[in-house]
Amino acid sequence: RSPLAKLIFNLDEGIKSIYLGYDFITITKFAEAHWQHLQTPIFGAIMDFYGTNQPALLAVPEITDTTILEDDDEVVAMIKELLESRIRPAVQEDGGDIKYVGFEEHTGIVTVQLAGSCVGCPSSSVTLKNGVENMLMHYIPEVTAVISLEEEEEDGEGGAGNGEDVVVTKSNGDSEDKKKLKSYEERLAAAGIPFSD
């Protein structure tokens, strides 16, 4: 709900938490991070943000492709959480993005859409197979493969693909090696993602 907090979190992996008060901001770092490396970029981001006159907190939460909705089952919620917290930041570091499109429960196939510098990049198939697919299959046994819709460059917008052009990345995913986790909370904990009610 806070574009300011999102901006600050994206500055550095060393930022642990952000508390927005009425007239102050408290930022907590991880023990490994050093304030001398964090202080200047954080201060600059806060000053630049307030120069835009945007509200620090939105009245309504922003709905994105990875927002966990009430009708999402545990598998879809876990896919979205991993995409948002682990996969998307790594892809965005290289100037690209990855968007959740869907999950077919009966086949175990996750559909994503690559954007930005990932479109047309020769390394994108390797990223999709070795990065995205391996991580999702490791933490979510129900996932059997990840496919990417090719983004079409229409109207100069780079709009969403129509679903007809599909690149399939196949995996053998040894199901014997996959550990079945009993609950959504246990899966998040296994992925190193904090969970709170």
C-alpha atoms as a PDB file:
ATOM      1  CA  ARG A   1       0.000   0.000   0.000  1.00  0.00           C
ATOM      2  CA  SER A   2       2.972   2.331   0.250  1.00  0.00           C
ATOM      3  CA  PRO A   3       4.823   3.436  -2.877  1.00  0.00           C
ATOM      4  CA  LEU A   4       7.437   5.065  -0.618  1.00  0.00           C
ATOM      5  CA  ALA A   5       8.112   1.829   1.285  1.00  0.00           C
ATOM      6  CA  LYS A   6       8.273  -0.101  -1.999  1.00  0.00           C
ATOM      7  CA  LEU A   7      10.814   2.413  -3.345  1.00  0.00           C
ATOM      8  CA  ILE A   8      12.975   2.135  -0.219  1.00  0.00           C
ATOM      9  CA  PHE A   9      12.836  -1.688  -0.129  1.00  0.00           C
ATOM     10  CA  ASN A  10      13.999  -1.790  -3.764  1.00  0.00           C
ATOM     11  CA  LEU A  11      17.147   0.219  -2.912  1.00  0.00           C
ATOM     12  CA  ASP A  12      19.015  -2.549  -1.108  1.00  0.00           C
ATOM     13  CA  GLU A  13      18.520  -6.120   0.138  1.00  0.00           C
ATOM     14  CA  GLY A  14      19.855  -5.023   3.534  1.00  0.00           C
ATOM     15  CA  ILE A  15      16.627  -3.237   4.440  1.00  0.00           C
ATOM     16  CA  LYS A  16      14.591  -5.389   6.818  1.00  0.00           C
ATOM     17  CA  SER A  17      11.502  -3.315   7.663  1.00  0.00           C
ATOM     18  CA  ILE A  18       9.949   0.117   7.327  1.00  0.00           C
ATOM     19  CA  TYR A  19       7.540   1.767   9.729  1.00  0.00           C
ATOM     20  CA  LEU A  20       5.688   4.848   8.522  1.00  0.00           C
ATOM     21  CA  GLY A  21       4.598   7.116  11.349  1.00  0.00           C
ATOM     22  CA  TYR A  22       2.542  10.296  11.100  1.00  0.00           C
ATOM     23  CA  ASP A  23       5.620  12.506  10.807  1.00  0.00           C
ATOM     24  CA  PHE A  24       8.549  10.064  10.752  1.00  0.00           C
ATOM     25  CA  ILE A  25       9.910   6.934   9.062  1.00  0.00           C
ATOM     26  CA  THR A  26      11.729   4.140  10.897  1.00  0.00           C
ATOM     27  CA  ILE A  27      13.905   1.870   8.780  1.00  0.00           C
ATOM     28  CA  THR A  28      15.416  -1.315  10.194  1.00  0.00           C
ATOM     29  CA  LYS A  29      18.333  -3.056   8.497  1.00  0.00           C
ATOM     30  CA  PHE A  30      19.612  -6.613   8.644  1.00  0.00           C
ATOM     31  CA  ALA A  31      22.695  -7.160  10.816  1.00  0.00           C
ATOM     32  CA  GLU A  32      24.905  -7.806   7.765  1.00  0.00           C
ATOM     33  CA  ALA A  33      24.028  -4.438   6.188  1.00  0.00           C
ATOM     34  CA  HIS A  34      25.945  -1.273   7.052  1.00  0.00           C
ATOM     35  CA  TRP A  35      24.308   2.103   7.624  1.00  0.00           C
ATOM     36  CA  GLN A  36      27.181   3.872   5.907  1.00  0.00           C
ATOM     37  CA  HIS A  37      26.129   2.183   2.643  1.00  0.00           C
ATOM     38  CA  LEU A  38      22.380   2.553   3.194  1.00  0.00           C
ATOM     39  CA  GLN A  39      21.979   6.042   4.640  1.00  0.00           C
ATOM     40  CA  THR A  40      22.657   8.180   1.552  1.00  0.00           C
ATOM     41  CA  PRO A  41      20.501   6.207  -0.938  1.00  0.00           C
ATOM     42  CA  ILE A  42      17.639   5.990   1.591  1.00  0.00           C
ATOM     43  CA  PHE A  43      17.769   9.707   2.353  1.00  0.00           C
ATOM     44  CA  GLY A  44      17.916  10.524  -1.370  1.00  0.00           C
ATOM     45  CA  ALA A  45      14.950   8.260  -2.147  1.00  0.00           C
ATOM     46  CA  ILE A  46      12.856   9.836   0.628  1.00  0.00           C
ATOM     47  CA  MET A  47      13.670  13.374  -0.537  1.00  0.00           C
ATOM     48  CA  ASP A  48      12.989  12.546  -4.196  1.00  0.00           C
ATOM     49  CA  PHE A  49       9.725  10.812  -3.295  1.00  0.00           C
ATOM     50  CA  TYR A  50       8.410  13.736  -1.281  1.00  0.00           C
ATOM     51  CA  GLY A  51       9.357  16.063  -4.124  1.00  0.00           C
ATOM     52  CA  THR A  52       6.760  14.270  -6.285  1.00  0.00           C
ATOM     53  CA  ASN A  53       3.904  15.128  -3.848  1.00  0.00           C
ATOM     54  CA  GLN A  54       2.605  11.540  -4.010  1.00  0.00           C
ATOM     55  CA  PRO A  55       0.999  10.131  -0.861  1.00  0.00           C
ATOM     56  CA  ALA A  56       3.264   7.846   1.179  1.00  0.00           C
ATOM     57  CA  LEU A  57       0.341   5.486   1.781  1.00  0.00           C
ATOM     58  CA  LEU A  58      -2.371   4.657  -0.740  1.00  0.00           C
ATOM     59  CA  ALA A  59      -5.969   4.516   0.449  1.00  0.00           C
ATOM     60  CA  VAL A  60      -6.518   1.301  -1.495  1.00  0.00           C
ATOM     61  CA  PRO A  61      -3.889  -1.431  -1.852  1.00  0.00           C
ATOM     62  CA  GLU A  62      -2.368  -1.612  -5.335  1.00  0.00           C
ATOM     63  CA  ILE A  63      -3.494  -4.728  -7.219  1.00  0.00           C
ATOM     64  CA  THR A  64      -0.759  -6.285  -9.347  1.00  0.00           C
ATOM     65  CA  ASP A  65      -0.247  -9.577 -11.142  1.00  0.00           C
ATOM     66  CA  THR A  66       1.256 -11.064  -7.962  1.00  0.00           C
ATOM     67  CA  THR A  67      -1.329  -9.745  -5.511  1.00  0.00           C
ATOM     68  CA  ILE A  68      -2.706 -12.732  -3.613  1.00  0.00           C
ATOM     69  CA  LEU A  69      -6.469 -12.665  -4.064  1.00  0.00           C
ATOM     70  CA  GLU A  70      -9.118 -14.283  -1.869  1.00  0.00           C
ATOM     71  CA  ASP A  71     -10.005 -16.860  -4.533  1.00  0.00           C
ATOM     72  CA  ASP A  72      -6.362 -17.958  -5.063  1.00  0.00           C
ATOM     73  CA  ASP A  73      -5.618 -21.440  -3.754  1.00  0.00           C
ATOM     74  CA  GLU A  74      -2.438 -22.246  -1.774  1.00  0.00           C
ATOM     75  CA  VAL A  75      -0.414 -23.214  -4.845  1.00  0.00           C
ATOM     76  CA  VAL A  76      -1.231 -20.000  -6.751  1.00  0.00           C
ATOM     77  CA  ALA A  77      -0.593 -17.912  -3.625  1.00  0.00           C
ATOM     78  CA  MET A  78       2.818 -19.541  -3.171  1.00  0.00           C
ATOM     79  CA  ILE A  79       3.714 -19.035  -6.861  1.00  0.00           C
ATOM     80  CA  LYS A  80       2.789 -15.356  -6.623  1.00  0.00           C
ATOM     81  CA  GLU A  81       4.739 -14.922  -3.372  1.00  0.00           C
ATOM     82  CA  LEU A  82       7.903 -16.490  -4.814  1.00  0.00           C
ATOM     83  CA  LEU A  83       7.608 -14.467  -8.019  1.00  0.00           C
ATOM     84  CA  GLU A  84       7.189 -11.211  -6.089  1.00  0.00           C
ATOM     85  CA  SER A  85       9.768 -11.748  -3.337  1.00  0.00           C
ATOM     86  CA  ARG A  86      12.512 -13.848  -4.950  1.00  0.00           C
ATOM     87  CA  ILE A  87      12.280 -14.019  -8.734  1.00  0.00           C
ATOM     88  CA  ARG A  88      11.075 -10.575  -9.853  1.00  0.00           C
ATOM     89  CA  PRO A  89      13.813  -8.628  -7.992  1.00  0.00           C
ATOM     90  CA  ALA A  90      16.541 -10.729  -9.653  1.00  0.00           C
ATOM     91  CA  VAL A  91      15.021 -10.268 -13.118  1.00  0.00           C
ATOM     92  CA  GLN A  92      14.550  -6.529 -12.571  1.00  0.00           C
ATOM     93  CA  GLU A  93      18.242  -6.125 -11.685  1.00  0.00           C
ATOM     94  CA  ASP A  94      19.004  -6.888 -15.343  1.00  0.00           C
ATOM     95  CA  GLY A  95      16.406  -4.431 -16.654  1.00  0.00           C
ATOM     96  CA  GLY A  96      13.654  -6.952 -17.265  1.00  0.00           C
ATOM     97  CA  ASP A  97      10.463  -8.011 -15.551  1.00  0.00           C
ATOM     98  CA  ILE A  98       8.371 -11.128 -15.147  1.00  0.00           C
ATOM     99  CA  LYS A  99       4.598 -11.171 -14.785  1.00  0.00           C
ATOM    100  CA  TYR A 100       2.361 -13.944 -13.488  1.00  0.00           C
ATOM    101  CA  VAL A 101      -0.235 -14.988 -16.092  1.00  0.00           C
ATOM    102  CA  GLY A 102      -1.705 -18.227 -14.757  1.00  0.00           C
ATOM    103  CA  PHE A 103      -1.388 -21.733 -13.354  1.00  0.00           C
ATOM    104  CA  GLU A 104      -3.010 -24.841 -14.844  1.00  0.00           C
ATOM    105  CA  GLU A 105      -3.786 -27.096 -11.900  1.00  0.00           C
ATOM    106  CA  HIS A 106      -4.311 -30.265 -13.948  1.00  0.00           C
ATOM    107  CA  THR A 107      -0.953 -29.995 -15.793  1.00  0.00           C
ATOM    108  CA  GLY A 108       1.115 -28.103 -13.209  1.00  0.00           C
ATOM    109  CA  ILE A 109       2.212 -25.532 -15.792  1.00  0.00           C
ATOM    110  CA  VAL A 110       2.858 -21.950 -14.695  1.00  0.00           C
ATOM    111  CA  THR A 111       2.510 -19.309 -17.402  1.00  0.00           C
ATOM    112  CA  VAL A 112       4.512 -16.097 -17.088  1.00  0.00           C
ATOM    113  CA  GLN A 113       5.271 -13.184 -19.373  1.00  0.00           C
ATOM    114  CA  LEU A 114       8.726 -11.694 -19.703  1.00  0.00           C
ATOM    115  CA  ALA A 115       9.028  -7.964 -20.298  1.00  0.00           C
ATOM    116  CA  GLY A 116      11.651  -5.261 -20.689  1.00  0.00           C
ATOM    117  CA  SER A 117      15.154  -6.398 -21.598  1.00  0.00           C
ATOM    118  CA  CYS A 118      14.110 -10.060 -21.195  1.00  0.00           C
ATOM    119  CA  VAL A 119      12.061  -9.931 -24.413  1.00  0.00           C
ATOM    120  CA  GLY A 120      14.212 -11.243 -27.235  1.00  0.00           C
ATOM    121  CA  CYS A 121      17.233 -11.783 -24.979  1.00  0.00           C
ATOM    122  CA  PRO A 122      19.078 -15.017 -25.798  1.00  0.00           C
ATOM    123  CA  SER A 123      19.597 -15.653 -22.071  1.00  0.00           C
ATOM    124  CA  SER A 124      15.885 -15.435 -21.236  1.00  0.00           C
ATOM    125  CA  SER A 125      15.257 -19.133 -21.941  1.00  0.00           C
ATOM    126  CA  VAL A 126      18.128 -20.038 -19.605  1.00  0.00           C
ATOM    127  CA  THR A 127      16.757 -17.657 -16.957  1.00  0.00           C
ATOM    128  CA  LEU A 128      13.299 -19.174 -17.376  1.00  0.00           C
ATOM    129  CA  LYS A 129      14.567 -22.765 -17.120  1.00  0.00           C
ATOM    130  CA  ASN A 130      17.423 -22.537 -14.607  1.00  0.00           C
ATOM    131  CA  GLY A 131      16.086 -19.706 -12.490  1.00  0.00           C
ATOM    132  CA  VAL A 132      12.329 -19.425 -12.502  1.00  0.00           C
ATOM    133  CA  GLU A 133      11.329 -23.021 -13.209  1.00  0.00           C
ATOM    134  CA  ASN A 134      13.889 -24.590 -10.858  1.00  0.00           C
ATOM    135  CA  MET A 135      12.936 -22.318  -7.958  1.00  0.00           C
ATOM    136  CA  LEU A 136       9.193 -22.814  -8.392  1.00  0.00           C
ATOM    137  CA  MET A 137       9.568 -26.584  -8.783  1.00  0.00           C
ATOM    138  CA  HIS A 138      11.856 -26.777  -5.736  1.00  0.00           C
ATOM    139  CA  TYR A 139       9.419 -25.058  -3.365  1.00  0.00           C
ATOM    140  CA  ILE A 140       6.128 -26.060  -4.989  1.00  0.00           C
ATOM    141  CA  PRO A 141       5.899 -29.756  -5.932  1.00  0.00           C
ATOM    142  CA  GLU A 142       2.694 -29.148  -7.912  1.00  0.00           C
ATOM    143  CA  VAL A 143       4.612 -27.095 -10.499  1.00  0.00           C
ATOM    144  CA  THR A 144       5.851 -29.259 -13.385  1.00  0.00           C
ATOM    145  CA  ALA A 145       6.978 -26.610 -15.906  1.00  0.00           C
ATOM    146  CA  VAL A 146       7.082 -22.889 -16.622  1.00  0.00           C
ATOM    147  CA  ILE A 147       6.179 -21.426 -20.003  1.00  0.00           C
ATOM    148  CA  SER A 148       6.467 -17.876 -21.239  1.00  0.00           C
ATOM    149  CA  LEU A 149       4.020 -15.960 -23.387  1.00  0.00           C
ATOM    150  CA  GLU A 150       5.914 -13.919 -25.933  1.00  0.00           C
ATOM    151  CA  GLU A 151       5.248 -10.222 -25.491  1.00  0.00           C
ATOM    152  CA  GLU A 152       3.991  -8.608 -28.676  1.00  0.00           C
ATOM    153  CA  GLU A 153       5.134  -5.112 -29.542  1.00  0.00           C
ATOM    154  CA  GLU A 154       1.829  -3.538 -30.549  1.00  0.00           C
ATOM    155  CA  ASP A 155       0.978   0.162 -30.533  1.00  0.00           C
ATOM    156  CA  GLY A 156       4.448   0.872 -29.127  1.00  0.00           C
ATOM    157  CA  GLU A 157       3.139  -0.277 -25.747  1.00  0.00           C
ATOM    158  CA  GLY A 158       4.538  -3.776 -25.564  1.00  0.00           C
ATOM    159  CA  GLY A 159       1.083  -5.068 -24.630  1.00  0.00           C
ATOM    160  CA  ALA A 160       0.248  -8.497 -23.340  1.00  0.00           C
ATOM    161  CA  GLY A 161       0.505 -11.441 -25.677  1.00  0.00           C
ATOM    162  CA  ASN A 162      -2.666 -12.995 -27.032  1.00  0.00           C
ATOM    163  CA  GLY A 163      -1.843 -16.428 -25.683  1.00  0.00           C
ATOM    164  CA  GLU A 164      -1.221 -17.984 -29.107  1.00  0.00           C
ATOM    165  CA  ASP A 165       2.562 -17.550 -29.285  1.00  0.00           C
ATOM    166  CA  VAL A 166       3.919 -19.741 -26.525  1.00  0.00           C
ATOM    167  CA  VAL A 167       7.464 -20.842 -25.827  1.00  0.00           C
ATOM    168  CA  VAL A 168       7.480 -24.054 -23.812  1.00  0.00           C
ATOM    169  CA  THR A 169      10.319 -25.003 -21.514  1.00  0.00           C
ATOM    170  CA  LYS A 170      10.005 -28.639 -20.540  1.00  0.00           C
ATOM    171  CA  SER A 171      11.398 -30.261 -17.425  1.00  0.00           C
ATOM    172  CA  ASN A 172      11.499 -33.815 -16.141  1.00  0.00           C
ATOM    173  CA  GLY A 173      11.131 -32.686 -12.464  1.00  0.00           C
ATOM    174  CA  ASP A 174      11.881 -35.842 -10.465  1.00  0.00           C
ATOM    175  CA  SER A 175       8.794 -36.056  -8.269  1.00  0.00           C
ATOM    176  CA  GLU A 176      10.438 -38.563  -5.906  1.00  0.00           C
ATOM    177  CA  ASP A 177      12.950 -35.927  -4.869  1.00  0.00           C
ATOM    178  CA  LYS A 178      10.292 -33.350  -4.107  1.00  0.00           C
ATOM    179  CA  LYS A 179       9.349 -32.977  -0.512  1.00  0.00           C
ATOM    180  CA  LYS A 180       5.641 -32.454   0.052  1.00  0.00           C
ATOM    181  CA  LEU A 181       5.061 -29.641   2.470  1.00  0.00           C
ATOM    182  CA  LYS A 182       1.825 -29.726   4.447  1.00  0.00           C
ATOM    183  CA  SER A 183       0.786 -26.112   4.539  1.00  0.00           C
ATOM    184  CA  TYR A 184       1.210 -22.759   2.899  1.00  0.00           C
ATOM    185  CA  GLU A 185       3.032 -21.476   5.995  1.00  0.00           C
ATOM    186  CA  GLU A 186       5.555 -24.342   5.902  1.00  0.00           C
ATOM    187  CA  ARG A 187       6.215 -23.711   2.208  1.00  0.00           C
ATOM    188  CA  LEU A 188       6.846 -20.034   2.830  1.00  0.00           C
ATOM    189  CA  ALA A 189       9.163 -20.877   5.743  1.00  0.00           C
ATOM    190  CA  ALA A 190      11.070 -23.361   3.557  1.00  0.00           C
ATOM    191  CA  ALA A 191      11.535 -20.631   0.948  1.00  0.00           C
ATOM    192  CA  GLY A 192      12.862 -18.265   3.604  1.00  0.00           C
ATOM    193  CA  ILE A 193       9.871 -15.938   3.318  1.00  0.00           C
ATOM    194  CA  PRO A 194       8.518 -14.574   6.599  1.00  0.00           C
ATOM    195  CA  PHE A 195       4.841 -15.261   7.212  1.00  0.00           C
ATOM    196  CA  SER A 196       2.432 -13.400   9.431  1.00  0.00           C
ATOM    197  CA  ASP A 197      -1.321 -13.655   9.842  1.00  0.00           C
END
